[in-house]
């Protein structure tokens, strides 16, 4: 299985960097794809939230809790008043 994954990775990298006869790559710009995906996701979220506002609020609360826990885990540990400076 790992062999197939490695092959897919390297072939994808090769085809992405390869010069094509007509000058255009086979896939659009990654930034354009990301922008389109974000727009589609926003439209889908808006549609679902209009259909069920309570479920939307619950999902937003879960996302906010996740964001807070992720940002808290990236902060350096706080030093206490009695901690030594390490000298």
PDB file of N, CA and C in Angstrom:
ATOM      1  N   UNK A   1       0.820  -1.190   0.000  1.00  0.00           N
ATOM      2  CA  UNK A   1       0.000   0.000   0.000  1.00  0.00           C
ATOM      3  C   UNK A   1       0.863   1.252   0.000  1.00  0.00           C
ATOM      4  N   UNK A   2       1.933   1.237   0.800  1.00  0.00           N
ATOM      5  CA  UNK A   2       2.822   2.400   0.847  1.00  0.00           C
ATOM      6  C   UNK A   2       3.471   2.635  -0.523  1.00  0.00           C
ATOM      7  N   UNK A   3       3.755   1.554  -1.233  1.00  0.00           N
ATOM      8  CA  UNK A   3       4.327   1.687  -2.568  1.00  0.00           C
ATOM      9  C   UNK A   3       3.390   2.481  -3.477  1.00  0.00           C
ATOM     10  N   UNK A   4       2.114   2.168  -3.432  1.00  0.00           N
ATOM     11  CA  UNK A   4       1.138   2.875  -4.270  1.00  0.00           C
ATOM     12  C   UNK A   4       1.026   4.335  -3.878  1.00  0.00           C
ATOM     13  N   UNK A   5       1.048   4.605  -2.584  1.00  0.00           N
ATOM     14  CA  UNK A   5       0.992   5.999  -2.132  1.00  0.00           C
ATOM     15  C   UNK A   5       2.221   6.779  -2.572  1.00  0.00           C
ATOM     16  N   UNK A   6       3.383   6.165  -2.449  1.00  0.00           N
ATOM     17  CA  UNK A   6       4.611   6.834  -2.895  1.00  0.00           C
ATOM     18  C   UNK A   6       4.581   7.085  -4.404  1.00  0.00           C
ATOM     19  N   UNK A   7       4.126   6.108  -5.155  1.00  0.00           N
ATOM     20  CA  UNK A   7       4.027   6.276  -6.612  1.00  0.00           C
ATOM     21  C   UNK A   7       3.082   7.417  -6.959  1.00  0.00           C
ATOM     22  N   UNK A   8       1.939   7.450  -6.322  1.00  0.00           N
ATOM     23  CA  UNK A   8       0.974   8.514  -6.596  1.00  0.00           C
ATOM     24  C   UNK A   8       1.557   9.871  -6.247  1.00  0.00           C
ATOM     25  N   UNK A   9       2.265   9.971  -5.128  1.00  0.00           N
ATOM     26  CA  UNK A   9       2.883  11.239  -4.732  1.00  0.00           C
ATOM     27  C   UNK A   9       3.897  11.699  -5.773  1.00  0.00           C
ATOM     28  N   UNK A  10       4.839  10.844  -6.131  1.00  0.00           N
ATOM     29  CA  UNK A  10       5.905  11.251  -7.045  1.00  0.00           C
ATOM     30  C   UNK A  10       5.380  11.498  -8.455  1.00  0.00           C
ATOM     31  N   UNK A  11       4.420  10.709  -8.903  1.00  0.00           N
ATOM     32  CA  UNK A  11       3.844  10.968 -10.226  1.00  0.00           C
ATOM     33  C   UNK A  11       3.075  12.284 -10.231  1.00  0.00           C
ATOM     34  N   UNK A  12       2.353  12.554  -9.166  1.00  0.00           N
ATOM     35  CA  UNK A  12       1.639  13.829  -9.064  1.00  0.00           C
ATOM     36  C   UNK A  12       2.589  15.008  -9.058  1.00  0.00           C
ATOM     37  N   UNK A  13       3.687  14.884  -8.323  1.00  0.00           N
ATOM     38  CA  UNK A  13       4.686  15.942  -8.296  1.00  0.00           C
ATOM     39  C   UNK A  13       5.326  16.132  -9.672  1.00  0.00           C
ATOM     40  N   UNK A  14       5.633  15.034 -10.330  1.00  0.00           N
ATOM     41  CA  UNK A  14       6.243  15.101 -11.661  1.00  0.00           C
ATOM     42  C   UNK A  14       5.314  15.765 -12.661  1.00  0.00           C
ATOM     43  N   UNK A  15       4.056  15.363 -12.687  1.00  0.00           N
ATOM     44  CA  UNK A  15       3.115  15.947 -13.644  1.00  0.00           C
ATOM     45  C   UNK A  15       2.804  17.400 -13.330  1.00  0.00           C
ATOM     46  N   UNK A  16       2.852  17.768 -12.061  1.00  0.00           N
ATOM     47  CA  UNK A  16       2.580  19.160 -11.691  1.00  0.00           C
ATOM     48  C   UNK A  16       3.701  20.076 -12.157  1.00  0.00           C
ATOM     49  N   UNK A  17       4.935  19.585 -12.167  1.00  0.00           N
ATOM     50  CA  UNK A  17       6.081  20.419 -12.532  1.00  0.00           C
ATOM     51  C   UNK A  17       6.504  20.277 -13.990  1.00  0.00           C
ATOM     52  N   UNK A  18       5.883  19.366 -14.709  1.00  0.00           N
ATOM     53  CA  UNK A  18       6.269  19.085 -16.081  1.00  0.00           C
ATOM     54  C   UNK A  18       5.776  20.178 -17.040  1.00  0.00           C
ATOM     55  N   UNK A  19       6.590  20.505 -18.039  1.00  0.00           N
ATOM     56  CA  UNK A  19       6.163  21.447 -19.075  1.00  0.00           C
ATOM     57  C   UNK A  19       5.204  20.734 -20.019  1.00  0.00           C
ATOM     58  N   UNK A  20       4.103  21.401 -20.358  1.00  0.00           N
ATOM     59  CA  UNK A  20       3.100  20.816 -21.222  1.00  0.00           C
ATOM     60  C   UNK A  20       3.197  21.447 -22.605  1.00  0.00           C
ATOM     61  N   UNK A  21       2.841  20.701 -23.666  1.00  0.00           N
ATOM     62  CA  UNK A  21       3.015  21.185 -25.040  1.00  0.00           C
ATOM     63  C   UNK A  21       2.298  22.507 -25.313  1.00  0.00           C
ATOM     64  N   UNK A  22       1.103  22.691 -24.811  1.00  0.00           N
ATOM     65  CA  UNK A  22       0.391  23.937 -25.097  1.00  0.00           C
ATOM     66  C   UNK A  22       0.728  25.040 -24.099  1.00  0.00           C
ATOM     67  N   UNK A  23       1.581  24.751 -23.136  1.00  0.00           N
ATOM     68  CA  UNK A  23       2.022  25.756 -22.184  1.00  0.00           C
ATOM     69  C   UNK A  23       1.159  25.868 -20.944  1.00  0.00           C
ATOM     70  N   UNK A  24      -0.021  25.309 -20.956  1.00  0.00           N
ATOM     71  CA  UNK A  24      -0.915  25.406 -19.804  1.00  0.00           C
ATOM     72  C   UNK A  24      -0.858  24.116 -18.996  1.00  0.00           C
ATOM     73  N   UNK A  25      -0.801  24.210 -17.676  1.00  0.00           N
ATOM     74  CA  UNK A  25      -0.821  22.993 -16.865  1.00  0.00           C
ATOM     75  C   UNK A  25      -2.209  22.341 -16.940  1.00  0.00           C
ATOM     76  N   UNK A  26      -2.290  21.040 -16.682  1.00  0.00           N
ATOM     77  CA  UNK A  26      -3.579  20.351 -16.778  1.00  0.00           C
ATOM     78  C   UNK A  26      -4.563  20.769 -15.689  1.00  0.00           C
ATOM     79  N   UNK A  27      -4.069  21.295 -14.574  1.00  0.00           N
ATOM     80  CA  UNK A  27      -4.954  21.714 -13.480  1.00  0.00           C
ATOM     81  C   UNK A  27      -4.829  23.221 -13.279  1.00  0.00           C
ATOM     82  N   UNK A  28      -5.893  23.866 -12.828  1.00  0.00           N
ATOM     83  CA  UNK A  28      -5.813  25.299 -12.567  1.00  0.00           C
ATOM     84  C   UNK A  28      -4.878  25.617 -11.403  1.00  0.00           C
ATOM     85  N   UNK A  29      -4.633  26.880 -11.235  1.00  0.00           N
ATOM     86  CA  UNK A  29      -3.773  27.380 -10.167  1.00  0.00           C
ATOM     87  C   UNK A  29      -4.303  26.906  -8.807  1.00  0.00           C
ATOM     88  N   UNK A  30      -3.434  26.437  -7.897  1.00  0.00           N
ATOM     89  CA  UNK A  30      -3.894  25.964  -6.589  1.00  0.00           C
ATOM     90  C   UNK A  30      -4.626  27.041  -5.785  1.00  0.00           C
ATOM     91  N   UNK A  31      -4.210  28.289  -5.915  1.00  0.00           N
ATOM     92  CA  UNK A  31      -4.898  29.364  -5.191  1.00  0.00           C
ATOM     93  C   UNK A  31      -6.327  29.527  -5.706  1.00  0.00           C
ATOM     94  N   UNK A  32      -6.505  29.385  -7.002  1.00  0.00           N
ATOM     95  CA  UNK A  32      -7.846  29.480  -7.579  1.00  0.00           C
ATOM     96  C   UNK A  32      -8.712  28.333  -7.084  1.00  0.00           C
ATOM     97  N   UNK A  33      -8.147  27.130  -7.042  1.00  0.00           N
ATOM     98  CA  UNK A  33      -8.892  25.979  -6.540  1.00  0.00           C
ATOM     99  C   UNK A  33      -9.275  26.170  -5.075  1.00  0.00           C
ATOM    100  N   UNK A  34      -8.357  26.679  -4.267  1.00  0.00           N
ATOM    101  CA  UNK A  34      -8.643  26.914  -2.851  1.00  0.00           C
ATOM    102  C   UNK A  34      -9.730  27.965  -2.679  1.00  0.00           C
ATOM    103  N   UNK A  35      -9.665  29.016  -3.480  1.00  0.00           N
ATOM    104  CA  UNK A  35     -10.672  30.079  -3.410  1.00  0.00           C
ATOM    105  C   UNK A  35     -12.051  29.537  -3.788  1.00  0.00           C
ATOM    106  N   UNK A  36     -12.109  28.743  -4.848  1.00  0.00           N
ATOM    107  CA  UNK A  36     -13.380  28.150  -5.270  1.00  0.00           C
ATOM    108  C   UNK A  36     -13.927  27.203  -4.205  1.00  0.00           C
ATOM    109  N   UNK A  37     -13.053  26.407  -3.599  1.00  0.00           N
ATOM    110  CA  UNK A  37     -13.493  25.477  -2.552  1.00  0.00           C
ATOM    111  C   UNK A  37     -14.037  26.242  -1.348  1.00  0.00           C
ATOM    112  N   UNK A  38     -13.389  27.344  -0.986  1.00  0.00           N
ATOM    113  CA  UNK A  38     -13.864  28.152   0.139  1.00  0.00           C
ATOM    114  C   UNK A  38     -15.227  28.773  -0.166  1.00  0.00           C
ATOM    115  N   UNK A  39     -15.412  29.235  -1.396  1.00  0.00           N
ATOM    116  CA  UNK A  39     -16.702  29.824  -1.772  1.00  0.00           C
ATOM    117  C   UNK A  39     -17.819  28.774  -1.740  1.00  0.00           C
ATOM    118  N   UNK A  40     -17.534  27.599  -2.256  1.00  0.00           N
ATOM    119  CA  UNK A  40     -18.533  26.528  -2.256  1.00  0.00           C
ATOM    120  C   UNK A  40     -18.866  26.117  -0.826  1.00  0.00           C
ATOM    121  N   UNK A  41     -17.832  26.012   0.028  1.00  0.00           N
ATOM    122  CA  UNK A  41     -18.078  25.641   1.423  1.00  0.00           C
ATOM    123  C   UNK A  41     -18.921  26.704   2.122  1.00  0.00           C
ATOM    124  N   UNK A  42     -18.628  27.977   1.880  1.00  0.00           N
ATOM    125  CA  UNK A  42     -19.402  29.060   2.503  1.00  0.00           C
ATOM    126  C   UNK A  42     -20.861  29.018   2.050  1.00  0.00           C
ATOM    127  N   UNK A  43     -21.079  28.756   0.772  1.00  0.00           N
ATOM    128  CA  UNK A  43     -22.453  28.666   0.268  1.00  0.00           C
ATOM    129  C   UNK A  43     -23.190  27.480   0.905  1.00  0.00           C
ATOM    130  N   UNK A  44     -22.510  26.360   1.035  1.00  0.00           N
ATOM    131  CA  UNK A  44     -23.122  25.172   1.638  1.00  0.00           C
ATOM    132  C   UNK A  44     -23.461  25.423   3.109  1.00  0.00           C
ATOM    133  N   UNK A  45     -22.545  26.068   3.823  1.00  0.00           N
ATOM    134  CA  UNK A  45     -22.798  26.377   5.233  1.00  0.00           C
ATOM    135  C   UNK A  45     -23.985  27.327   5.360  1.00  0.00           C
ATOM    136  N   UNK A  46     -24.037  28.348   4.518  1.00  0.00           N
ATOM    137  CA  UNK A  46     -25.149  29.300   4.573  1.00  0.00           C
ATOM    138  C   UNK A  46     -26.483  28.605   4.299  1.00  0.00           C
ATOM    139  N   UNK A  47     -26.495  27.698   3.350  1.00  0.00           N
ATOM    140  CA  UNK A  47     -27.721  26.967   3.027  1.00  0.00           C
ATOM    141  C   UNK A  47     -28.167  26.099   4.197  1.00  0.00           C
ATOM    142  N   UNK A  48     -27.220  25.375   4.791  1.00  0.00           N
ATOM    143  CA  UNK A  48     -27.565  24.492   5.903  1.00  0.00           C
ATOM    144  C   UNK A  48     -27.961  25.279   7.154  1.00  0.00           C
ATOM    145  N   UNK A  49     -27.315  26.424   7.383  1.00  0.00           N
ATOM    146  CA  UNK A  49     -27.665  27.229   8.551  1.00  0.00           C
ATOM    147  C   UNK A  49     -29.037  27.866   8.386  1.00  0.00           C
ATOM    148  N   UNK A  50     -29.413  28.210   7.169  1.00  0.00           N
ATOM    149  CA  UNK A  50     -30.751  28.756   6.931  1.00  0.00           C
ATOM    150  C   UNK A  50     -31.811  27.698   7.192  1.00  0.00           C
ATOM    151  N   UNK A  51     -31.485  26.449   6.903  1.00  0.00           N
ATOM    152  CA  UNK A  51     -32.444  25.364   7.091  1.00  0.00           C
ATOM    153  C   UNK A  51     -32.571  24.962   8.566  1.00  0.00           C
ATOM    154  N   UNK A  52     -31.463  25.039   9.309  1.00  0.00           N
ATOM    155  CA  UNK A  52     -31.486  24.612  10.716  1.00  0.00           C
ATOM    156  C   UNK A  52     -30.581  25.518  11.544  1.00  0.00           C
ATOM    157  N   UNK A  53     -31.091  26.667  12.002  1.00  0.00           N
ATOM    158  CA  UNK A  53     -30.265  27.620  12.745  1.00  0.00           C
ATOM    159  C   UNK A  53     -29.699  27.066  14.057  1.00  0.00           C
ATOM    160  N   UNK A  54     -30.457  26.242  14.779  1.00  0.00           N
ATOM    161  CA  UNK A  54     -29.958  25.711  16.051  1.00  0.00           C
ATOM    162  C   UNK A  54     -28.762  24.780  15.838  1.00  0.00           C
ATOM    163  N   UNK A  55     -28.833  23.951  14.816  1.00  0.00           N
ATOM    164  CA  UNK A  55     -27.708  23.066  14.511  1.00  0.00           C
ATOM    165  C   UNK A  55     -26.488  23.881  14.089  1.00  0.00           C
ATOM    166  N   UNK A  56     -26.736  24.976  13.400  1.00  0.00           N
ATOM    167  CA  UNK A  56     -25.647  25.843  12.961  1.00  0.00           C
ATOM    168  C   UNK A  56     -24.957  26.485  14.171  1.00  0.00           C
ATOM    169  N   UNK A  57     -25.738  26.956  15.128  1.00  0.00           N
ATOM    170  CA  UNK A  57     -25.165  27.560  16.333  1.00  0.00           C
ATOM    171  C   UNK A  57     -24.378  26.540  17.143  1.00  0.00           C
ATOM    172  N   UNK A  58     -24.873  25.332  17.230  1.00  0.00           N
ATOM    173  CA  UNK A  58     -24.163  24.277  17.947  1.00  0.00           C
ATOM    174  C   UNK A  58     -22.836  23.959  17.259  1.00  0.00           C
ATOM    175  N   UNK A  59     -22.853  23.895  15.933  1.00  0.00           N
ATOM    176  CA  UNK A  59     -21.617  23.662  15.184  1.00  0.00           C
ATOM    177  C   UNK A  59     -20.625  24.799  15.362  1.00  0.00           C
ATOM    178  N   UNK A  60     -21.109  26.027  15.378  1.00  0.00           N
ATOM    179  CA  UNK A  60     -20.236  27.177  15.577  1.00  0.00           C
ATOM    180  C   UNK A  60     -19.612  27.144  16.968  1.00  0.00           C
ATOM    181  N   UNK A  61     -20.391  26.731  17.973  1.00  0.00           N
ATOM    182  CA  UNK A  61     -19.848  26.628  19.334  1.00  0.00           C
ATOM    183  C   UNK A  61     -18.754  25.571  19.401  1.00  0.00           C
ATOM    184  N   UNK A  62     -18.949  24.439  18.730  1.00  0.00           N
ATOM    185  CA  UNK A  62     -17.937  23.381  18.723  1.00  0.00           C
ATOM    186  C   UNK A  62     -16.660  23.852  18.025  1.00  0.00           C
ATOM    187  N   UNK A  63     -16.815  24.579  16.933  1.00  0.00           N
ATOM    188  CA  UNK A  63     -15.640  25.099  16.217  1.00  0.00           C
ATOM    189  C   UNK A  63     -14.885  26.088  17.089  1.00  0.00           C
ATOM    190  N   UNK A  64     -15.599  26.949  17.782  1.00  0.00           N
ATOM    191  CA  UNK A  64     -14.961  27.927  18.664  1.00  0.00           C
ATOM    192  C   UNK A  64     -14.235  27.239  19.810  1.00  0.00           C
ATOM    193  N   UNK A  65     -14.846  26.214  20.395  1.00  0.00           N
ATOM    194  CA  UNK A  65     -14.184  25.457  21.463  1.00  0.00           C
ATOM    195  C   UNK A  65     -12.913  24.801  20.944  1.00  0.00           C
ATOM    196  N   UNK A  66     -12.986  24.235  19.749  1.00  0.00           N
ATOM    197  CA  UNK A  66     -11.806  23.607  19.144  1.00  0.00           C
ATOM    198  C   UNK A  66     -10.710  24.629  18.886  1.00  0.00           C
ATOM    199  N   UNK A  67     -11.093  25.802  18.377  1.00  0.00           N
ATOM    200  CA  UNK A  67     -10.119  26.858  18.096  1.00  0.00           C
ATOM    201  C   UNK A  67      -9.435  27.310  19.380  1.00  0.00           C
ATOM    202  N   UNK A  68     -10.213  27.473  20.447  1.00  0.00           N
ATOM    203  CA  UNK A  68      -9.633  27.903  21.720  1.00  0.00           C
ATOM    204  C   UNK A  68      -8.681  26.850  22.274  1.00  0.00           C
ATOM    205  N   UNK A  69      -9.065  25.589  22.207  1.00  0.00           N
ATOM    206  CA  UNK A  69      -8.193  24.541  22.728  1.00  0.00           C
ATOM    207  C   UNK A  69      -6.916  24.427  21.891  1.00  0.00           C
ATOM    208  N   UNK A  70      -7.031  24.645  20.587  1.00  0.00           N
ATOM    209  CA  UNK A  70      -5.838  24.591  19.732  1.00  0.00           C
ATOM    210  C   UNK A  70      -4.914  25.765  20.019  1.00  0.00           C
ATOM    211  N   UNK A  71      -5.460  26.958  20.232  1.00  0.00           N
ATOM    212  CA  UNK A  71      -4.607  28.118  20.503  1.00  0.00           C
ATOM    213  C   UNK A  71      -3.999  28.019  21.893  1.00  0.00           C
ATOM    214  N   UNK A  72      -4.720  27.429  22.849  1.00  0.00           N
ATOM    215  CA  UNK A  72      -4.167  27.253  24.190  1.00  0.00           C
ATOM    216  C   UNK A  72      -3.023  26.257  24.194  1.00  0.00           C
ATOM    217  N   UNK A  73      -3.105  25.236  23.364  1.00  0.00           N
ATOM    218  CA  UNK A  73      -2.053  24.223  23.334  1.00  0.00           C
ATOM    219  C   UNK A  73      -0.787  24.732  22.651  1.00  0.00           C
ATOM    220  N   UNK A  74      -0.877  25.822  21.890  1.00  0.00           N
ATOM    221  CA  UNK A  74       0.297  26.363  21.202  1.00  0.00           C
ATOM    222  C   UNK A  74       1.011  27.422  22.027  1.00  0.00           C
ATOM    223  N   UNK A  75       0.418  27.882  23.119  1.00  0.00           N
ATOM    224  CA  UNK A  75       1.053  28.887  23.966  1.00  0.00           C
ATOM    225  C   UNK A  75       2.160  28.232  24.775  1.00  0.00           C
ATOM    226  N   UNK A  76       3.255  28.978  25.011  1.00  0.00           N
ATOM    227  CA  UNK A  76       4.289  28.417  25.874  1.00  0.00           C
ATOM    228  C   UNK A  76       3.779  28.358  27.309  1.00  0.00           C
ATOM    229  N   UNK A  77       4.290  27.452  28.105  1.00  0.00           N
ATOM    230  CA  UNK A  77       3.826  27.343  29.497  1.00  0.00           C
ATOM    231  C   UNK A  77       4.153  28.623  30.255  1.00  0.00           C
ATOM    232  N   UNK A  78       3.227  29.016  31.120  1.00  0.00           N
ATOM    233  CA  UNK A  78       3.442  30.226  31.905  1.00  0.00           C
ATOM    234  C   UNK A  78       4.404  29.916  33.049  1.00  0.00           C
ATOM    235  N   UNK A  79       5.227  30.910  33.358  1.00  0.00           N
ATOM    236  CA  UNK A  79       6.177  30.755  34.458  1.00  0.00           C
ATOM    237  C   UNK A  79       5.511  31.216  35.731  1.00  0.00           C
ATOM    238  N   UNK A  80       5.756  30.508  36.775  1.00  0.00           N
ATOM    239  CA  UNK A  80       5.204  30.902  38.062  1.00  0.00           C
ATOM    240  C   UNK A  80       6.144  31.889  38.728  1.00  0.00           C
ATOM    241  N   UNK A  81       5.670  32.570  39.754  1.00  0.00           N
ATOM    242  CA  UNK A  81       6.465  33.602  40.422  1.00  0.00           C
ATOM    243  C   UNK A  81       7.704  33.021  41.071  1.00  0.00           C
ATOM    244  N   UNK A  82       7.650  31.789  41.530  1.00  0.00           N
ATOM    245  CA  UNK A  82       8.793  31.184  42.216  1.00  0.00           C
ATOM    246  C   UNK A  82       9.718  30.424  41.290  1.00  0.00           C
ATOM    247  N   UNK A  83       9.493  30.463  40.006  1.00  0.00           N
ATOM    248  CA  UNK A  83      10.324  29.689  39.065  1.00  0.00           C
ATOM    249  C   UNK A  83      11.696  30.326  38.927  1.00  0.00           C
ATOM    250  N   UNK A  84      12.691  29.502  38.804  1.00  0.00           N
ATOM    251  CA  UNK A  84      14.065  30.012  38.636  1.00  0.00           C
ATOM    252  C   UNK A  84      14.310  30.287  37.171  1.00  0.00           C
ATOM    253  N   UNK A  85      15.217  31.196  36.881  1.00  0.00           N
ATOM    254  CA  UNK A  85      15.495  31.595  35.511  1.00  0.00           C
ATOM    255  C   UNK A  85      16.417  30.617  34.797  1.00  0.00           C
ATOM    256  N   UNK A  86      16.982  29.671  35.499  1.00  0.00           N
ATOM    257  CA  UNK A  86      17.834  28.678  34.856  1.00  0.00           C
ATOM    258  C   UNK A  86      19.295  29.069  34.859  1.00  0.00           C
ATOM    259  N   UNK A  87      19.678  30.138  35.571  1.00  0.00           N
ATOM    260  CA  UNK A  87      21.088  30.551  35.632  1.00  0.00           C
ATOM    261  C   UNK A  87      21.805  29.852  36.720  1.00  0.00           C
TER     262      UNK A  87
END
